[in-house]
Amino acid sequence: MLLDKKIVIVLPAYNAEKTLAEMYSDIPMDIIDDIVLVDDSSKDKTVDVAKKLGIKHIIIHEKNKGYGNNQKTCYHKALEIGADIIIMLHPDYQYTPKLIPAMANIIAYNVYPVVLGSRILGKGARTGGMPFYKYYLNRILTLFQNLVIDQKLSEYHTGYRAFSKEVLNRINFDANSNDFIFDNEMISQVFFAGFQVAEITCPTKYFKEASSINFRRSVKYGFGVLRVSIQHFLQKHKLANFRIYKKN
């Protein structure tokens, strides 16, 4: 408990058997109140590992519903159990849990309501092994988004995110895609709702067991990013009306 704020970590899991325990061991439990793991119909023993670790809230999707849908389940459960600060951490151990206190403090002290762990600030992405094409696709898409959305993030594509409950209660994340573009739609919603976003430098690791979408899906994601950015622009200038920007 930090400043009487309940901090809940949410873990959208899929085939994380080999990395979950090591990642879990790095979570600073002294400030964490609860952990929610949602397993998206893994084909390995992710759920068994989670149970052995003593994770209290484990939700199992009997059928694979996609990364975006997994997050929807995560956030709804976190809000249901009374979370004030919700931090999404990938169980594949690509991001370090050691940044949780810094991210939680930024929100708890009302500095920013949203915090992103950026792989691009500094040289963490390439040093950590981010594939060449992913790095430059990230940079190109981020430049386009900053220009179209009129913001100045170092990247929009990190999966390490912290939110105040006010943000999650305000934006209509249920209207978002069930695929990977969910993340990008969510940032667009956050900015459209008028919330400010902080970034902190985050080292990252790319290795065999770390989940990563392939080139074909990366291209699909890239086109999705362009679509979301244009939708944001049109909505902002009242040239269209998209469901994802409808207030809760």
Protein backbone atom coordinates (compact mmCIF):
# COMPACT_ATOMS: atom_id res chain seq x y z
CA MET A 1 0.00 0.00 0.00
CA LEU A 2 1.48 3.32 -1.12
CA LEU A 3 -0.16 6.50 0.22
CA ASP A 4 -3.27 4.42 0.89
CA LYS A 5 -3.37 3.44 -2.78
CA LYS A 6 -4.04 -0.19 -3.65
CA ILE A 7 -1.54 -1.33 -6.27
CA VAL A 8 -2.47 -4.26 -8.47
CA ILE A 9 -0.17 -5.89 -11.03
CA VAL A 10 -1.92 -7.48 -14.01
CA LEU A 11 -0.23 -10.20 -16.05
CA PRO A 12 -1.72 -10.98 -19.49
CA ALA A 13 -0.22 -14.45 -19.94
CA TYR A 14 0.17 -16.79 -22.87
CA ASN A 15 2.67 -19.68 -22.84
CA ALA A 16 4.73 -18.06 -20.08
CA GLU A 17 5.69 -21.26 -18.23
CA LYS A 18 9.44 -20.79 -18.74
CA THR A 19 9.64 -17.13 -17.69
CA LEU A 20 6.84 -16.49 -15.20
CA ALA A 21 8.63 -17.62 -12.02
CA GLU A 22 11.81 -15.64 -12.71
CA MET A 23 9.84 -12.53 -13.59
CA TYR A 24 7.63 -12.97 -10.51
CA SER A 25 10.69 -13.17 -8.23
CA ASP A 26 11.67 -9.62 -9.25
CA ILE A 27 8.32 -8.05 -8.35
CA PRO A 28 8.72 -5.74 -5.30
CA MET A 29 6.09 -7.39 -3.12
CA ASP A 30 6.54 -4.87 -0.30
CA ILE A 31 4.44 -2.29 -2.18
CA ILE A 32 2.15 -4.62 -4.15
CA ASP A 33 -1.29 -5.44 -2.81
CA ASP A 34 -2.56 -7.94 -5.37
CA ILE A 35 -1.62 -9.71 -8.58
CA VAL A 36 -4.01 -10.78 -11.34
CA LEU A 37 -2.95 -13.29 -13.98
CA VAL A 38 -5.16 -13.95 -16.98
CA ASP A 39 -4.16 -17.00 -18.99
CA ASP A 40 -5.29 -16.83 -22.61
CA SER A 41 -5.65 -20.58 -23.13
CA SER A 42 -1.93 -21.37 -22.96
CA LYS A 43 -0.67 -24.64 -24.39
CA ASP A 44 1.92 -25.05 -21.65
CA LYS A 45 1.85 -25.13 -17.83
CA THR A 46 1.57 -21.39 -17.22
CA VAL A 47 -1.43 -21.84 -14.92
CA ASP A 48 0.30 -24.56 -12.88
CA VAL A 49 3.32 -22.30 -12.35
CA ALA A 50 1.05 -19.41 -11.36
CA LYS A 51 -0.70 -21.59 -8.77
CA LYS A 52 2.62 -22.79 -7.31
CA LEU A 53 3.74 -19.16 -6.99
CA GLY A 54 0.61 -18.44 -4.96
CA ILE A 55 -0.89 -15.87 -7.31
CA LYS A 56 -4.28 -15.18 -5.76
CA HIS A 57 -6.31 -14.10 -8.77
CA ILE A 58 -5.97 -16.47 -11.74
CA ILE A 59 -8.46 -16.25 -14.58
CA ILE A 60 -8.40 -18.77 -17.42
CA HIS A 61 -9.75 -18.13 -20.90
CA GLU A 62 -10.93 -21.53 -22.11
CA LYS A 63 -10.41 -20.35 -25.70
CA ASN A 64 -7.71 -18.01 -26.94
CA LYS A 65 -9.30 -14.54 -27.16
CA GLY A 66 -6.27 -12.48 -28.14
CA TYR A 67 -3.87 -10.09 -26.43
CA GLY A 68 -6.32 -7.19 -26.34
CA ASN A 69 -9.12 -9.25 -24.86
CA ASN A 70 -6.72 -10.63 -22.27
CA GLN A 71 -6.01 -7.07 -21.13
CA LYS A 72 -9.71 -6.28 -20.94
CA THR A 73 -10.18 -9.17 -18.52
CA CYS A 74 -7.11 -8.03 -16.55
CA TYR A 75 -8.32 -4.46 -16.12
CA HIS A 76 -11.88 -5.38 -15.23
CA LYS A 77 -10.66 -7.78 -12.54
CA ALA A 78 -8.22 -5.22 -11.14
CA LEU A 79 -10.96 -2.61 -10.86
CA GLU A 80 -13.33 -5.19 -9.37
CA ILE A 81 -10.93 -5.91 -6.50
CA GLY A 82 -10.48 -2.22 -5.74
CA ALA A 83 -7.24 -1.24 -7.48
CA ASP A 84 -6.20 2.42 -7.36
CA ILE A 85 -3.10 1.90 -9.48
CA ILE A 86 -2.96 -0.80 -12.14
CA ILE A 87 0.36 -1.84 -13.67
CA MET A 88 0.50 -4.17 -16.66
CA LEU A 89 3.59 -6.34 -16.80
CA HIS A 90 4.27 -9.02 -19.41
CA PRO A 91 5.01 -12.43 -17.85
CA ASP A 92 7.55 -13.18 -20.60
CA TYR A 93 10.14 -11.16 -18.60
CA GLN A 94 10.91 -8.79 -21.46
CA TYR A 95 10.46 -5.85 -19.07
CA THR A 96 11.96 -5.59 -15.59
CA PRO A 97 9.53 -5.50 -12.64
CA LYS A 98 12.09 -3.41 -10.74
CA LEU A 99 10.59 -0.23 -12.23
CA ILE A 100 7.23 -0.86 -10.53
CA PRO A 101 7.98 1.38 -7.49
CA ALA A 102 8.97 4.30 -9.72
CA MET A 103 5.88 3.93 -11.92
CA ALA A 104 3.57 3.53 -8.92
CA ASN A 105 5.01 6.58 -7.15
CA ILE A 106 4.47 8.83 -10.16
CA ILE A 107 0.77 7.99 -10.09
CA ALA A 108 0.36 7.80 -6.30
CA TYR A 109 1.77 11.31 -5.86
CA ASN A 110 -0.52 12.67 -8.60
CA VAL A 111 2.34 13.64 -10.89
CA TYR A 112 0.90 11.81 -13.92
CA PRO A 113 -2.07 9.42 -14.21
CA VAL A 114 -0.37 7.20 -16.82
CA VAL A 115 3.22 5.97 -16.99
CA LEU A 116 4.87 4.09 -19.85
CA GLY A 117 8.12 2.16 -19.62
CA SER A 118 9.94 3.31 -22.75
CA ARG A 119 12.45 1.07 -24.47
CA ILE A 120 13.51 3.92 -26.75
CA LEU A 121 14.63 6.47 -24.16
CA GLY A 122 18.34 5.78 -23.91
CA LYS A 123 19.63 2.78 -25.86
CA GLY A 124 17.79 -0.02 -24.12
CA ALA A 125 15.96 -1.36 -27.15
CA ARG A 126 18.86 -2.16 -29.47
CA THR A 127 21.16 -3.08 -26.57
CA GLY A 128 18.54 -5.53 -25.35
CA GLY A 129 18.34 -7.18 -28.76
CA MET A 130 15.30 -5.56 -30.39
CA PRO A 131 15.34 -6.70 -34.04
CA PHE A 132 16.58 -4.08 -36.48
CA TYR A 133 13.32 -3.90 -38.45
CA LYS A 134 11.21 -3.61 -35.27
CA TYR A 135 13.34 -0.74 -33.97
CA TYR A 136 13.08 1.34 -37.13
CA LEU A 137 9.42 0.53 -37.64
CA ASN A 138 8.89 1.73 -34.07
CA ARG A 139 10.72 4.98 -34.77
CA ILE A 140 8.87 5.68 -38.03
CA LEU A 141 5.45 4.92 -36.58
CA THR A 142 6.15 6.98 -33.45
CA LEU A 143 7.18 9.98 -35.52
CA PHE A 144 3.99 9.70 -37.59
CA GLN A 145 1.84 9.38 -34.47
CA ASN A 146 3.43 12.33 -32.72
CA LEU A 147 2.79 14.51 -35.76
CA VAL A 148 -0.80 13.37 -36.32
CA ILE A 149 -1.87 13.13 -32.65
CA ASP A 150 0.15 16.21 -31.66
CA GLN A 151 2.02 14.59 -28.80
CA LYS A 152 5.68 13.90 -28.04
CA LEU A 153 6.21 10.35 -26.80
CA SER A 154 9.44 8.47 -27.38
CA GLU A 155 7.35 5.41 -28.29
CA TYR A 156 3.72 4.27 -28.39
CA HIS A 157 4.42 0.56 -28.56
CA THR A 158 5.70 -0.52 -25.16
CA GLY A 159 3.76 -3.16 -23.27
CA TYR A 160 4.84 -1.85 -19.87
CA ARG A 161 2.12 0.50 -18.63
CA ALA A 162 0.69 1.89 -15.40
CA PHE A 163 -2.70 3.57 -15.00
CA SER A 164 -4.70 5.24 -12.28
CA LYS A 165 -8.15 3.77 -11.80
CA GLU A 166 -9.62 7.10 -12.96
CA VAL A 167 -8.11 6.56 -16.39
CA LEU A 168 -9.43 3.02 -16.78
CA ASN A 169 -12.86 4.07 -15.54
CA ARG A 170 -12.95 6.94 -18.04
CA ILE A 171 -11.83 5.40 -21.33
CA ASN A 172 -13.89 2.87 -23.27
CA PHE A 173 -11.23 0.16 -23.58
CA ASP A 174 -13.89 -2.53 -24.09
CA ALA A 175 -14.51 -1.03 -27.55
CA ASN A 176 -10.92 -1.72 -28.59
CA SER A 177 -9.55 -4.54 -30.71
CA ASN A 178 -8.84 -7.94 -29.22
CA ASP A 179 -5.54 -8.03 -31.13
CA PHE A 180 -2.20 -6.30 -30.53
CA ILE A 181 -3.46 -2.92 -31.80
CA PHE A 182 -5.40 -2.70 -28.51
CA ASP A 183 -2.34 -1.07 -26.92
CA ASN A 184 -2.22 1.68 -29.50
CA GLU A 185 -5.95 2.34 -29.34
CA MET A 186 -5.66 2.67 -25.59
CA ILE A 187 -2.98 5.37 -25.75
CA SER A 188 -5.08 7.24 -28.30
CA GLN A 189 -8.05 7.08 -25.92
CA VAL A 190 -5.92 8.30 -23.02
CA PHE A 191 -4.76 11.36 -24.92
CA PHE A 192 -8.20 12.05 -26.38
CA ALA A 193 -9.66 12.02 -22.85
CA GLY A 194 -7.17 14.72 -21.86
CA PHE A 195 -4.86 12.68 -19.64
CA GLN A 196 -1.12 13.35 -19.59
CA VAL A 197 1.41 10.55 -19.95
CA ALA A 198 4.84 10.13 -18.35
CA GLU A 199 7.66 7.95 -19.67
CA ILE A 200 10.56 6.35 -17.83
CA THR A 201 13.56 4.62 -19.36
CA CYS A 202 13.08 0.86 -19.41
CA PRO A 203 15.70 -1.76 -20.34
CA THR A 204 14.31 -4.64 -22.36
CA LYS A 205 15.37 -8.16 -23.26
CA TYR A 206 14.71 -10.10 -26.46
CA PHE A 207 15.30 -13.83 -26.23
CA LYS A 208 13.74 -17.09 -27.42
CA GLU A 209 11.08 -17.35 -24.71
CA ALA A 210 10.04 -13.68 -24.88
CA SER A 211 6.84 -13.28 -26.84
CA SER A 212 7.22 -11.23 -30.00
CA ILE A 213 5.00 -10.95 -33.03
CA ASN A 214 6.46 -12.04 -36.35
CA PHE A 215 7.19 -9.85 -39.36
CA ARG A 216 3.79 -10.41 -41.02
CA ARG A 217 1.88 -9.47 -37.87
CA SER A 218 4.24 -6.55 -37.29
CA VAL A 219 3.28 -5.17 -40.70
CA LYS A 220 -0.40 -5.68 -39.89
CA TYR A 221 0.14 -3.89 -36.59
CA GLY A 222 1.90 -1.04 -38.41
CA PHE A 223 -1.07 -0.45 -40.68
CA GLY A 224 -3.30 -0.59 -37.62
CA VAL A 225 -1.23 2.15 -35.99
CA LEU A 226 -1.68 4.36 -39.06
CA ARG A 227 -5.44 3.75 -38.90
CA VAL A 228 -5.68 4.61 -35.20
CA SER A 229 -3.68 7.81 -35.67
CA ILE A 230 -5.89 8.97 -38.51
CA GLN A 231 -9.02 8.09 -36.52
CA HIS A 232 -7.70 10.14 -33.61
CA PHE A 233 -7.09 13.11 -35.88
CA LEU A 234 -10.55 12.90 -37.44
CA GLN A 235 -12.25 12.51 -34.05
CA LYS A 236 -10.30 15.40 -32.55
CA HIS A 237 -11.31 17.71 -35.37
CA LYS A 238 -14.93 16.49 -35.30
CA LEU A 239 -14.72 15.04 -38.79
CA ALA A 240 -15.87 11.59 -37.65
CA ASN A 241 -17.24 9.79 -34.63
CA PHE A 242 -15.61 6.52 -33.59
CA ARG A 243 -16.96 4.24 -30.88
CA ILE A 244 -13.63 3.84 -29.08
CA TYR A 245 -13.75 7.50 -28.00
CA LYS A 246 -17.17 7.24 -26.41
CA LYS A 247 -16.92 8.01 -22.69
CA ASN A 248 -17.73 5.34 -20.14
